[in-house]
Amino acid sequence: MAKKQTAGRERLGDFAPKFAEINDDILFGQVWSREAELPAKTRSIVTVSALIAGGNWEQLQYHLKAAKANGVSREEISEIITHLAFYVGWPKAWSAFGIAKEIWEEQ
């Protein structure tokens, strides 16, 4: 079972309460909990890939940490980013590698 997400309410609850509710309850509460349909590890790989493709670096750090927690190995993330480099661009891969390297080197 996925951990209850509260970041939306904590960071945006006063400013954008509906967005915070949808983020916490729908995206992370309902969509991410559908592990029978798509395991968390696979969902993390898809999410990380989409964030790298879009150059969404602020969100990438959180989702790379989640991917690591969901079982994506250092070797797998390295291969994923290398593969993506040919489709999303070399500079995006370099940026993603910088973030991923820090996360996988954390103890």
PDB file of N, CA and C in Angstrom:
ATOM      1  N   MET A   1       0.845  -1.186   0.000  1.00  0.00           N
ATOM      2  CA  MET A   1       0.000   0.000   0.000  1.00  0.00           C
ATOM      3  C   MET A   1       0.882   1.238   0.000  1.00  0.00           C
ATOM      4  N   ALA A   2       0.569   2.180  -0.826  1.00  0.00           N
ATOM      5  CA  ALA A   2       1.337   3.414  -0.941  1.00  0.00           C
ATOM      6  C   ALA A   2       1.168   4.275   0.303  1.00  0.00           C
ATOM      7  N   LYS A   3       2.224   5.024   0.607  1.00  0.00           N
ATOM      8  CA  LYS A   3       2.200   5.944   1.745  1.00  0.00           C
ATOM      9  C   LYS A   3       1.241   7.103   1.450  1.00  0.00           C
ATOM     10  N   LYS A   4       0.498   7.535   2.443  1.00  0.00           N
ATOM     11  CA  LYS A   4      -0.452   8.638   2.295  1.00  0.00           C
ATOM     12  C   LYS A   4       0.308   9.914   1.945  1.00  0.00           C
ATOM     13  N   GLN A   5      -0.064  10.528   0.847  1.00  0.00           N
ATOM     14  CA  GLN A   5       0.572  11.749   0.369  1.00  0.00           C
ATOM     15  C   GLN A   5      -0.122  12.978   0.957  1.00  0.00           C
ATOM     16  N   THR A   6       0.657  13.888   1.484  1.00  0.00           N
ATOM     17  CA  THR A   6       0.104  15.122   2.050  1.00  0.00           C
ATOM     18  C   THR A   6       0.827  16.366   1.540  1.00  0.00           C
ATOM     19  N   ALA A   7       1.770  16.191   0.617  1.00  0.00           N
ATOM     20  CA  ALA A   7       2.572  17.329   0.139  1.00  0.00           C
ATOM     21  C   ALA A   7       1.710  18.416  -0.495  1.00  0.00           C
ATOM     22  N   GLY A   8       0.679  18.034  -1.206  1.00  0.00           N
ATOM     23  CA  GLY A   8      -0.193  19.028  -1.834  1.00  0.00           C
ATOM     24  C   GLY A   8      -0.823  19.944  -0.806  1.00  0.00           C
ATOM     25  N   ARG A   9      -1.394  19.359   0.210  1.00  0.00           N
ATOM     26  CA  ARG A   9      -2.037  20.158   1.259  1.00  0.00           C
ATOM     27  C   ARG A   9      -1.012  20.958   2.053  1.00  0.00           C
ATOM     28  N   GLU A  10       0.144  20.351   2.314  1.00  0.00           N
ATOM     29  CA  GLU A  10       1.175  21.049   3.090  1.00  0.00           C
ATOM     30  C   GLU A  10       1.735  22.247   2.337  1.00  0.00           C
ATOM     31  N   ARG A  11       1.968  22.093   1.039  1.00  0.00           N
ATOM     32  CA  ARG A  11       2.619  23.156   0.273  1.00  0.00           C
ATOM     33  C   ARG A  11       1.640  24.122  -0.386  1.00  0.00           C
ATOM     34  N   LEU A  12       0.458  23.635  -0.781  1.00  0.00           N
ATOM     35  CA  LEU A  12      -0.462  24.469  -1.547  1.00  0.00           C
ATOM     36  C   LEU A  12      -1.876  24.547  -0.977  1.00  0.00           C
ATOM     37  N   GLY A  13      -2.116  23.872   0.140  1.00  0.00           N
ATOM     38  CA  GLY A  13      -3.470  23.785   0.674  1.00  0.00           C
ATOM     39  C   GLY A  13      -4.172  25.109   0.878  1.00  0.00           C
ATOM     40  N   ASP A  14      -3.463  26.099   1.384  1.00  0.00           N
ATOM     41  CA  ASP A  14      -4.071  27.415   1.602  1.00  0.00           C
ATOM     42  C   ASP A  14      -4.226  28.199   0.304  1.00  0.00           C
ATOM     43  N   PHE A  15      -3.310  28.004  -0.628  1.00  0.00           N
ATOM     44  CA  PHE A  15      -3.295  28.791  -1.864  1.00  0.00           C
ATOM     45  C   PHE A  15      -4.161  28.166  -2.965  1.00  0.00           C
ATOM     46  N   ALA A  16      -4.080  26.845  -3.091  1.00  0.00           N
ATOM     47  CA  ALA A  16      -4.810  26.137  -4.153  1.00  0.00           C
ATOM     48  C   ALA A  16      -5.395  24.849  -3.571  1.00  0.00           C
ATOM     49  N   PRO A  17      -6.422  24.971  -2.746  1.00  0.00           N
ATOM     50  CA  PRO A  17      -6.932  23.796  -2.039  1.00  0.00           C
ATOM     51  C   PRO A  17      -7.456  22.682  -2.947  1.00  0.00           C
ATOM     52  N   LYS A  18      -8.110  23.009  -4.043  1.00  0.00           N
ATOM     53  CA  LYS A  18      -8.635  21.969  -4.934  1.00  0.00           C
ATOM     54  C   LYS A  18      -7.498  21.206  -5.605  1.00  0.00           C
ATOM     55  N   PHE A  19      -6.486  21.935  -6.077  1.00  0.00           N
ATOM     56  CA  PHE A  19      -5.324  21.289  -6.675  1.00  0.00           C
ATOM     57  C   PHE A  19      -4.648  20.374  -5.660  1.00  0.00           C
ATOM     58  N   ALA A  20      -4.480  20.859  -4.429  1.00  0.00           N
ATOM     59  CA  ALA A  20      -3.861  20.067  -3.366  1.00  0.00           C
ATOM     60  C   ALA A  20      -4.662  18.791  -3.096  1.00  0.00           C
ATOM     61  N   GLU A  21      -5.977  18.923  -3.066  1.00  0.00           N
ATOM     62  CA  GLU A  21      -6.852  17.760  -2.848  1.00  0.00           C
ATOM     63  C   GLU A  21      -6.692  16.736  -3.970  1.00  0.00           C
ATOM     64  N   ILE A  22      -6.708  17.200  -5.221  1.00  0.00           N
ATOM     65  CA  ILE A  22      -6.571  16.296  -6.370  1.00  0.00           C
ATOM     66  C   ILE A  22      -5.198  15.627  -6.353  1.00  0.00           C
ATOM     67  N   ASN A  23      -4.153  16.394  -6.059  1.00  0.00           N
ATOM     68  CA  ASN A  23      -2.807  15.845  -5.984  1.00  0.00           C
ATOM     69  C   ASN A  23      -2.723  14.723  -4.947  1.00  0.00           C
ATOM     70  N   ASP A  24      -3.178  15.013  -3.743  1.00  0.00           N
ATOM     71  CA  ASP A  24      -3.026  14.056  -2.643  1.00  0.00           C
ATOM     72  C   ASP A  24      -4.002  12.885  -2.730  1.00  0.00           C
ATOM     73  N   ASP A  25      -5.261  13.171  -3.032  1.00  0.00           N
ATOM     74  CA  ASP A  25      -6.291  12.141  -2.968  1.00  0.00           C
ATOM     75  C   ASP A  25      -6.474  11.363  -4.267  1.00  0.00           C
ATOM     76  N   ILE A  26      -6.382  12.044  -5.395  1.00  0.00           N
ATOM     77  CA  ILE A  26      -6.613  11.376  -6.681  1.00  0.00           C
ATOM     78  C   ILE A  26      -5.300  10.816  -7.236  1.00  0.00           C
ATOM     79  N   LEU A  27      -4.349  11.711  -7.561  1.00  0.00           N
ATOM     80  CA  LEU A  27      -3.108  11.247  -8.174  1.00  0.00           C
ATOM     81  C   LEU A  27      -2.361  10.270  -7.274  1.00  0.00           C
ATOM     82  N   PHE A  28      -2.036  10.717  -6.057  1.00  0.00           N
ATOM     83  CA  PHE A  28      -1.251   9.847  -5.184  1.00  0.00           C
ATOM     84  C   PHE A  28      -2.109   8.881  -4.379  1.00  0.00           C
ATOM     85  N   GLY A  29      -3.358   9.217  -4.137  1.00  0.00           N
ATOM     86  CA  GLY A  29      -4.225   8.328  -3.371  1.00  0.00           C
ATOM     87  C   GLY A  29      -4.847   7.230  -4.202  1.00  0.00           C
ATOM     88  N   GLN A  30      -5.425   7.579  -5.339  1.00  0.00           N
ATOM     89  CA  GLN A  30      -6.124   6.584  -6.154  1.00  0.00           C
ATOM     90  C   GLN A  30      -5.269   6.021  -7.288  1.00  0.00           C
ATOM     91  N   VAL A  31      -4.616   6.877  -8.049  1.00  0.00           N
ATOM     92  CA  VAL A  31      -3.869   6.400  -9.210  1.00  0.00           C
ATOM     93  C   VAL A  31      -2.643   5.585  -8.787  1.00  0.00           C
ATOM     94  N   TRP A  32      -1.826   6.146  -7.908  1.00  0.00           N
ATOM     95  CA  TRP A  32      -0.616   5.436  -7.492  1.00  0.00           C
ATOM     96  C   TRP A  32      -0.908   4.169  -6.698  1.00  0.00           C
ATOM     97  N   SER A  33      -2.085   4.041  -6.121  1.00  0.00           N
ATOM     98  CA  SER A  33      -2.402   2.849  -5.321  1.00  0.00           C
ATOM     99  C   SER A  33      -2.876   1.680  -6.182  1.00  0.00           C
ATOM    100  N   ARG A  34      -3.009   1.856  -7.477  1.00  0.00           N
ATOM    101  CA  ARG A  34      -3.497   0.801  -8.373  1.00  0.00           C
ATOM    102  C   ARG A  34      -2.354  -0.157  -8.750  1.00  0.00           C
ATOM    103  N   GLU A  35      -1.752  -0.766  -7.751  1.00  0.00           N
ATOM    104  CA  GLU A  35      -0.578  -1.608  -7.971  1.00  0.00           C
ATOM    105  C   GLU A  35      -0.905  -2.925  -8.663  1.00  0.00           C
ATOM    106  N   ALA A  36      -2.139  -3.373  -8.618  1.00  0.00           N
ATOM    107  CA  ALA A  36      -2.514  -4.594  -9.345  1.00  0.00           C
ATOM    108  C   ALA A  36      -2.486  -4.340 -10.855  1.00  0.00           C
ATOM    109  N   GLU A  37      -2.797  -3.120 -11.247  1.00  0.00           N
ATOM    110  CA  GLU A  37      -2.810  -2.756 -12.664  1.00  0.00           C
ATOM    111  C   GLU A  37      -1.419  -2.389 -13.174  1.00  0.00           C
ATOM    112  N   LEU A  38      -0.604  -1.753 -12.325  1.00  0.00           N
ATOM    113  CA  LEU A  38       0.752  -1.353 -12.694  1.00  0.00           C
ATOM    114  C   LEU A  38       1.570  -1.240 -11.411  1.00  0.00           C
ATOM    115  N   PRO A  39       2.539  -2.123 -11.229  1.00  0.00           N
ATOM    116  CA  PRO A  39       3.321  -2.108  -9.990  1.00  0.00           C
ATOM    117  C   PRO A  39       4.025  -0.768  -9.763  1.00  0.00           C
ATOM    118  N   ALA A  40       4.271  -0.449  -8.506  1.00  0.00           N
ATOM    119  CA  ALA A  40       4.882   0.832  -8.143  1.00  0.00           C
ATOM    120  C   ALA A  40       6.227   1.038  -8.837  1.00  0.00           C
ATOM    121  N   LYS A  41       7.029  -0.004  -8.973  1.00  0.00           N
ATOM    122  CA  LYS A  41       8.326   0.134  -9.644  1.00  0.00           C
ATOM    123  C   LYS A  41       8.138   0.570 -11.094  1.00  0.00           C
ATOM    124  N   THR A  42       7.230  -0.072 -11.789  1.00  0.00           N
ATOM    125  CA  THR A  42       6.963   0.281 -13.188  1.00  0.00           C
ATOM    126  C   THR A  42       6.371   1.686 -13.283  1.00  0.00           C
ATOM    127  N   ARG A  43       5.447   2.004 -12.384  1.00  0.00           N
ATOM    128  CA  ARG A  43       4.838   3.335 -12.356  1.00  0.00           C
ATOM    129  C   ARG A  43       5.913   4.405 -12.132  1.00  0.00           C
ATOM    130  N   SER A  44       6.878   4.103 -11.267  1.00  0.00           N
ATOM    131  CA  SER A  44       7.979   5.036 -11.025  1.00  0.00           C
ATOM    132  C   SER A  44       8.821   5.235 -12.279  1.00  0.00           C
ATOM    133  N   ILE A  45       9.108   4.153 -12.994  1.00  0.00           N
ATOM    134  CA  ILE A  45       9.898   4.253 -14.223  1.00  0.00           C
ATOM    135  C   ILE A  45       9.184   5.114 -15.254  1.00  0.00           C
ATOM    136  N   VAL A  46       7.897   4.910 -15.416  1.00  0.00           N
ATOM    137  CA  VAL A  46       7.113   5.704 -16.361  1.00  0.00           C
ATOM    138  C   VAL A  46       7.121   7.180 -15.948  1.00  0.00           C
ATOM    139  N   THR A  47       6.899   7.433 -14.664  1.00  0.00           N
ATOM    140  CA  THR A  47       6.847   8.808 -14.161  1.00  0.00           C
ATOM    141  C   THR A  47       8.179   9.505 -14.326  1.00  0.00           C
ATOM    142  N   VAL A  48       9.261   8.846 -13.934  1.00  0.00           N
ATOM    143  CA  VAL A  48      10.600   9.423 -14.066  1.00  0.00           C
ATOM    144  C   VAL A  48      10.898   9.719 -15.537  1.00  0.00           C
ATOM    145  N   SER A  49      10.552   8.808 -16.409  1.00  0.00           N
ATOM    146  CA  SER A  49      10.782   9.011 -17.844  1.00  0.00           C
ATOM    147  C   SER A  49      10.030  10.230 -18.365  1.00  0.00           C
ATOM    148  N   ALA A  50       8.783  10.370 -17.958  1.00  0.00           N
ATOM    149  CA  ALA A  50       7.982  11.517 -18.392  1.00  0.00           C
ATOM    150  C   ALA A  50       8.553  12.823 -17.845  1.00  0.00           C
ATOM    151  N   LEU A  51       8.998  12.819 -16.605  1.00  0.00           N
ATOM    152  CA  LEU A  51       9.563  14.031 -16.014  1.00  0.00           C
ATOM    153  C   LEU A  51      10.868  14.427 -16.692  1.00  0.00           C
ATOM    154  N   ILE A  52      11.705  13.452 -17.017  1.00  0.00           N
ATOM    155  CA  ILE A  52      12.946  13.747 -17.731  1.00  0.00           C
ATOM    156  C   ILE A  52      12.624  14.301 -19.118  1.00  0.00           C
ATOM    157  N   ALA A  53      11.692  13.672 -19.814  1.00  0.00           N
ATOM    158  CA  ALA A  53      11.312  14.137 -21.149  1.00  0.00           C
ATOM    159  C   ALA A  53      10.820  15.583 -21.124  1.00  0.00           C
ATOM    160  N   GLY A  54      10.091  15.930 -20.077  1.00  0.00           N
ATOM    161  CA  GLY A  54       9.555  17.280 -19.968  1.00  0.00           C
ATOM    162  C   GLY A  54      10.506  18.278 -19.335  1.00  0.00           C
ATOM    163  N   GLY A  55      11.650  17.791 -18.834  1.00  0.00           N
ATOM    164  CA  GLY A  55      12.591  18.689 -18.161  1.00  0.00           C
ATOM    165  C   GLY A  55      12.063  19.212 -16.840  1.00  0.00           C
ATOM    166  N   ASN A  56      11.264  18.412 -16.152  1.00  0.00           N
ATOM    167  CA  ASN A  56      10.657  18.809 -14.884  1.00  0.00           C
ATOM    168  C   ASN A  56      11.573  18.428 -13.723  1.00  0.00           C
ATOM    169  N   TRP A  57      12.645  19.205 -13.556  1.00  0.00           N
ATOM    170  CA  TRP A  57      13.703  18.859 -12.609  1.00  0.00           C
ATOM    171  C   TRP A  57      13.267  18.971 -11.155  1.00  0.00           C
ATOM    172  N   GLU A  58      12.417  19.914 -10.837  1.00  0.00           N
ATOM    173  CA  GLU A  58      11.986  20.062  -9.441  1.00  0.00           C
ATOM    174  C   GLU A  58      11.238  18.817  -8.961  1.00  0.00           C
ATOM    175  N   GLN A  59      10.367  18.271  -9.786  1.00  0.00           N
ATOM    176  CA  GLN A  59       9.614  17.076  -9.424  1.00  0.00           C
ATOM    177  C   GLN A  59      10.456  15.811  -9.568  1.00  0.00           C
ATOM    178  N   LEU A  60      11.475  15.851 -10.424  1.00  0.00           N
ATOM    179  CA  LEU A  60      12.272  14.657 -10.686  1.00  0.00           C
ATOM    180  C   LEU A  60      12.976  14.147  -9.436  1.00  0.00           C
ATOM    181  N   GLN A  61      13.512  15.029  -8.631  1.00  0.00           N
ATOM    182  CA  GLN A  61      14.229  14.592  -7.437  1.00  0.00           C
ATOM    183  C   GLN A  61      13.335  13.736  -6.534  1.00  0.00           C
ATOM    184  N   TYR A  62      12.125  14.213  -6.257  1.00  0.00           N
ATOM    185  CA  TYR A  62      11.188  13.448  -5.423  1.00  0.00           C
ATOM    186  C   TYR A  62      10.899  12.081  -6.050  1.00  0.00           C
ATOM    187  N   HIS A  63      10.635  12.080  -7.360  1.00  0.00           N
ATOM    188  CA  HIS A  63      10.230  10.832  -8.008  1.00  0.00           C
ATOM    189  C   HIS A  63      11.395   9.870  -8.204  1.00  0.00           C
ATOM    190  N   LEU A  64      12.619  10.385  -8.312  1.00  0.00           N
ATOM    191  CA  LEU A  64      13.770   9.478  -8.338  1.00  0.00           C
ATOM    192  C   LEU A  64      13.948   8.810  -6.976  1.00  0.00           C
ATOM    193  N   LYS A  65      13.744   9.557  -5.909  1.00  0.00           N
ATOM    194  CA  LYS A  65      13.807   8.961  -4.568  1.00  0.00           C
ATOM    195  C   LYS A  65      12.725   7.896  -4.408  1.00  0.00           C
ATOM    196  N   ALA A  66      11.527   8.187  -4.915  1.00  0.00           N
ATOM    197  CA  ALA A  66      10.438   7.208  -4.856  1.00  0.00           C
ATOM    198  C   ALA A  66      10.781   5.979  -5.700  1.00  0.00           C
ATOM    199  N   ALA A  67      11.375   6.196  -6.873  1.00  0.00           N
ATOM    200  CA  ALA A  67      11.764   5.071  -7.732  1.00  0.00           C
ATOM    201  C   ALA A  67      12.767   4.179  -7.024  1.00  0.00           C
ATOM    202  N   LYS A  68      13.736   4.787  -6.366  1.00  0.00           N
ATOM    203  CA  LYS A  68      14.720   4.012  -5.611  1.00  0.00           C
ATOM    204  C   LYS A  68      14.023   3.205  -4.513  1.00  0.00           C
ATOM    205  N   ALA A  69      13.119   3.849  -3.785  1.00  0.00           N
ATOM    206  CA  ALA A  69      12.360   3.166  -2.724  1.00  0.00           C
ATOM    207  C   ALA A  69      11.465   2.067  -3.294  1.00  0.00           C
ATOM    208  N   ASN A  70      11.015   2.245  -4.533  1.00  0.00           N
ATOM    209  CA  ASN A  70      10.146   1.253  -5.178  1.00  0.00           C
ATOM    210  C   ASN A  70      10.936   0.150  -5.886  1.00  0.00           C
ATOM    211  N   GLY A  71      12.261   0.125  -5.679  1.00  0.00           N
ATOM    212  CA  GLY A  71      13.051  -0.992  -6.169  1.00  0.00           C
ATOM    213  C   GLY A  71      13.839  -0.776  -7.444  1.00  0.00           C
ATOM    214  N   VAL A  72      13.861   0.435  -7.979  1.00  0.00           N
ATOM    215  CA  VAL A  72      14.670   0.703  -9.171  1.00  0.00           C
ATOM    216  C   VAL A  72      16.132   0.773  -8.727  1.00  0.00           C
ATOM    217  N   SER A  73      16.959  -0.064  -9.318  1.00  0.00           N
ATOM    218  CA  SER A  73      18.362  -0.130  -8.926  1.00  0.00           C
ATOM    219  C   SER A  73      19.183   0.962  -9.614  1.00  0.00           C
ATOM    220  N   ARG A  74      20.390   1.147  -9.122  1.00  0.00           N
ATOM    221  CA  ARG A  74      21.325   2.106  -9.706  1.00  0.00           C
ATOM    222  C   ARG A  74      21.588   1.739 -11.173  1.00  0.00           C
ATOM    223  N   GLU A  75      21.777   0.464 -11.438  1.00  0.00           N
ATOM    224  CA  GLU A  75      22.039   0.008 -12.795  1.00  0.00           C
ATOM    225  C   GLU A  75      20.835   0.263 -13.697  1.00  0.00           C
ATOM    226  N   GLU A  76      19.641   0.022 -13.177  1.00  0.00           N
ATOM    227  CA  GLU A  76      18.431   0.243 -13.971  1.00  0.00           C
ATOM    228  C   GLU A  76      18.232   1.721 -14.287  1.00  0.00           C
ATOM    229  N   ILE A  77      18.403   2.610 -13.290  1.00  0.00           N
ATOM    230  CA  ILE A  77      18.180   4.034 -13.560  1.00  0.00           C
ATOM    231  C   ILE A  77      19.222   4.556 -14.538  1.00  0.00           C
ATOM    232  N   SER A  78      20.442   4.048 -14.442  1.00  0.00           N
ATOM    233  CA  SER A  78      21.488   4.433 -15.386  1.00  0.00           C
ATOM    234  C   SER A  78      21.109   4.032 -16.809  1.00  0.00           C
ATOM    235  N   GLU A  79      20.608   2.819 -16.963  1.00  0.00           N
ATOM    236  CA  GLU A  79      20.200   2.339 -18.283  1.00  0.00           C
ATOM    237  C   GLU A  79      18.973   3.091 -18.806  1.00  0.00           C
ATOM    238  N   ILE A  80      18.035   3.374 -17.919  1.00  0.00           N
ATOM    239  CA  ILE A  80      16.824   4.118 -18.315  1.00  0.00           C
ATOM    240  C   ILE A  80      17.211   5.496 -18.848  1.00  0.00           C
ATOM    241  N   ILE A  81      18.050   6.211 -18.112  1.00  0.00           N
ATOM    242  CA  ILE A  81      18.434   7.563 -18.535  1.00  0.00           C
ATOM    243  C   ILE A  81      19.265   7.511 -19.814  1.00  0.00           C
ATOM    244  N   THR A  82      20.166   6.529 -19.929  1.00  0.00           N
ATOM    245  CA  THR A  82      20.957   6.378 -21.154  1.00  0.00           C
ATOM    246  C   THR A  82      20.042   6.149 -22.349  1.00  0.00           C
ATOM    247  N   HIS A  83      19.064   5.283 -22.185  1.00  0.00           N
ATOM    248  CA  HIS A  83      18.111   5.009 -23.268  1.00  0.00           C
ATOM    249  C   HIS A  83      17.316   6.265 -23.628  1.00  0.00           C
ATOM    250  N   LEU A  84      16.858   6.976 -22.609  1.00  0.00           N
ATOM    251  CA  LEU A  84      16.072   8.191 -22.850  1.00  0.00           C
ATOM    252  C   LEU A  84      16.869   9.273 -23.574  1.00  0.00           C
ATOM    253  N   ALA A  85      18.182   9.303 -23.366  1.00  0.00           N
ATOM    254  CA  ALA A  85      19.016  10.345 -23.977  1.00  0.00           C
ATOM    255  C   ALA A  85      18.800  10.434 -25.486  1.00  0.00           C
ATOM    256  N   PHE A  86      18.592   9.311 -26.122  1.00  0.00           N
ATOM    257  CA  PHE A  86      18.425   9.298 -27.579  1.00  0.00           C
ATOM    258  C   PHE A  86      17.044   9.765 -28.028  1.00  0.00           C
ATOM    259  N   TYR A  87      16.104   9.813 -27.119  1.00  0.00           N
ATOM    260  CA  TYR A  87      14.741  10.207 -27.460  1.00  0.00           C
ATOM    261  C   TYR A  87      14.372  11.591 -26.943  1.00  0.00           C
ATOM    262  N   VAL A  88      14.938  11.996 -25.816  1.00  0.00           N
ATOM    263  CA  VAL A  88      14.544  13.274 -25.211  1.00  0.00           C
ATOM    264  C   VAL A  88      15.634  14.326 -25.274  1.00  0.00           C
ATOM    265  N   GLY A  89      16.865  13.901 -25.590  1.00  0.00           N
ATOM    266  CA  GLY A  89      17.964  14.839 -25.732  1.00  0.00           C
ATOM    267  C   GLY A  89      19.083  14.605 -24.736  1.00  0.00           C
ATOM    268  N   TRP A  90      20.282  14.797 -25.237  1.00  0.00           N
ATOM    269  CA  TRP A  90      21.482  14.589 -24.435  1.00  0.00           C
ATOM    270  C   TRP A  90      21.541  15.516 -23.227  1.00  0.00           C
ATOM    271  N   PRO A  91      21.233  16.807 -23.368  1.00  0.00           N
ATOM    272  CA  PRO A  91      21.287  17.702 -22.199  1.00  0.00           C
ATOM    273  C   PRO A  91      20.324  17.285 -21.084  1.00  0.00           C
ATOM    274  N   LYS A  92      19.158  16.806 -21.440  1.00  0.00           N
ATOM    275  CA  LYS A  92      18.215  16.349 -20.411  1.00  0.00           C
ATOM    276  C   LYS A  92      18.769  15.124 -19.690  1.00  0.00           C
ATOM    277  N   ALA A  93      19.428  14.238 -20.419  1.00  0.00           N
ATOM    278  CA  ALA A  93      20.026  13.069 -19.780  1.00  0.00           C
ATOM    279  C   ALA A  93      21.132  13.496 -18.821  1.00  0.00           C
ATOM    280  N   TRP A  94      21.976  14.436 -19.231  1.00  0.00           N
ATOM    281  CA  TRP A  94      23.026  14.932 -18.346  1.00  0.00           C
ATOM    282  C   TRP A  94      22.425  15.502 -17.065  1.00  0.00           C
ATOM    283  N   SER A  95      21.381  16.286 -17.205  1.00  0.00           N
ATOM    284  CA  SER A  95      20.726  16.874 -16.032  1.00  0.00           C
ATOM    285  C   SER A  95      20.148  15.793 -15.131  1.00  0.00           C
ATOM    286  N   ALA A  96      19.493  14.814 -15.727  1.00  0.00           N
ATOM    287  CA  ALA A  96      18.892  13.724 -14.951  1.00  0.00           C
ATOM    288  C   ALA A  96      19.966  12.896 -14.250  1.00  0.00           C
ATOM    289  N   PHE A  97      21.078  12.636 -14.944  1.00  0.00           N
ATOM    290  CA  PHE A  97      22.159  11.873 -14.321  1.00  0.00           C
ATOM    291  C   PHE A  97      22.713  12.584 -13.087  1.00  0.00           C
ATOM    292  N   GLY A  98      22.811  13.906 -13.152  1.00  0.00           N
ATOM    293  CA  GLY A  98      23.310  14.645 -11.986  1.00  0.00           C
ATOM    294  C   GLY A  98      22.441  14.443 -10.765  1.00  0.00           C
ATOM    295  N   ILE A  99      21.145  14.456 -10.962  1.00  0.00           N
ATOM    296  CA  ILE A  99      20.207  14.260  -9.849  1.00  0.00           C
ATOM    297  C   ILE A  99      20.213  12.808  -9.390  1.00  0.00           C
ATOM    298  N   ALA A 100      20.166  11.886 -10.350  1.00  0.00           N
ATOM    299  CA  ALA A 100      20.118  10.459 -10.006  1.00  0.00           C
ATOM    300  C   ALA A 100      21.384  10.019  -9.279  1.00  0.00           C
ATOM    301  N   LYS A 101      22.525  10.497  -9.728  1.00  0.00           N
ATOM    302  CA  LYS A 101      23.789  10.109  -9.090  1.00  0.00           C
ATOM    303  C   LYS A 101      23.792  10.481  -7.614  1.00  0.00           C
ATOM    304  N   GLU A 102      23.327  11.677  -7.297  1.00  0.00           N
ATOM    305  CA  GLU A 102      23.254  12.099  -5.891  1.00  0.00           C
ATOM    306  C   GLU A 102      22.341  11.174  -5.090  1.00  0.00           C
ATOM    307  N   ILE A 103      21.206  10.820  -5.651  1.00  0.00           N
ATOM    308  CA  ILE A 103      20.221  10.014  -4.928  1.00  0.00           C
ATOM    309  C   ILE A 103      20.723   8.588  -4.720  1.00  0.00           C
ATOM    310  N   TRP A 104      21.294   7.981  -5.731  1.00  0.00           N
ATOM    311  CA  TRP A 104      21.761   6.600  -5.588  1.00  0.00           C
ATOM    312  C   TRP A 104      23.056   6.508  -4.785  1.00  0.00           C
ATOM    313  N   GLU A 105      23.744   7.620  -4.591  1.00  0.00           N
ATOM    314  CA  GLU A 105      24.929   7.603  -3.734  1.00  0.00           C
ATOM    315  C   GLU A 105      24.593   7.865  -2.275  1.00  0.00           C
ATOM    316  N   GLU A 106      23.356   8.328  -1.993  1.00  0.00           N
ATOM    317  CA  GLU A 106      22.910   8.520  -0.605  1.00  0.00           C
ATOM    318  C   GLU A 106      22.819   7.170   0.083  1.00  0.00           C
ATOM    319  N   GLN A 107      23.152   7.154   1.338  1.00  0.00           N
ATOM    320  CA  GLN A 107      23.085   5.897   2.101  1.00  0.00           C
ATOM    321  C   GLN A 107      21.730   5.748   2.752  1.00  0.00           C
TER     322      GLN A 107
END
